Amino acid sequence: MAFLSQEKLASFGFKHLGRNVLISDKASIYGAINISIGDFSRIDDFCILSAGEGGIRLGRNVHIACYVSLIGHATIIVEDFAGISGKVAVYSSSDNFSGSALTGPTVDSRYTDVISKPVSIGRHVVVGAGCIVLPGVTIREGCAIGALSLVTRDCDAFGIYIGTPAAFVKERKRDLLALEQEYLKTSNSLKRVL
């Protein structure tokens, strides 16, 4: 995988770009002026980040795997240490499919009914491959979402959710919180040496 140079990243005009950010040269970025990316985050091949007015905010140490889409008019937040696996789609906007309006971007907005609601993905969340996250969902800290799940409603902290629609299965261990503190101490001491 080839990553964009720091000069090329700077030319996008991101709202904020942290230190040591890696973005594949095969990723597509739209609305960079509304996108903030924290330190040590990485975006892999064939991802699409399309930020509307609400913007996209990625925390530090966030990993966005291949073929992920973050798309919508409302805000999408992915907090520190979260990981989004391949082929996940996160939407903060969706057409109204009830039949009361026309759908699609080729139709004048007077005839459509696009629903836009913020999406929040908390610290240490992992979203498994092939999941879909719909507008208005909050996935709280430490959740794990099983592969191929459809997330239609909020998920409680440190829960493991699977299925269509995603349902709570059991609690997730919290050992990663102590590991985070250990990692941050190490990375902070490395920064001073560099």
Foldseek 3Di string as FASTA:
>chain_A
DDWDDPVVVVVVCACAEEAPETERPQEAEAPRPQEHAYACEYEDHQEYEHEAPQGEYEEHCEYHEHQEYEDENHYEYAYAQEYEYEQEYEYQKDWDPPPQFDDDPVDDPVGTDMHGAYEAHEHCEYEAHQEYEYHPEYEYAQEYEYHNEYDDYYHDHQFYWYHDPTDTDGGHDPVVVVVVVVVVVVVVVVVVVD
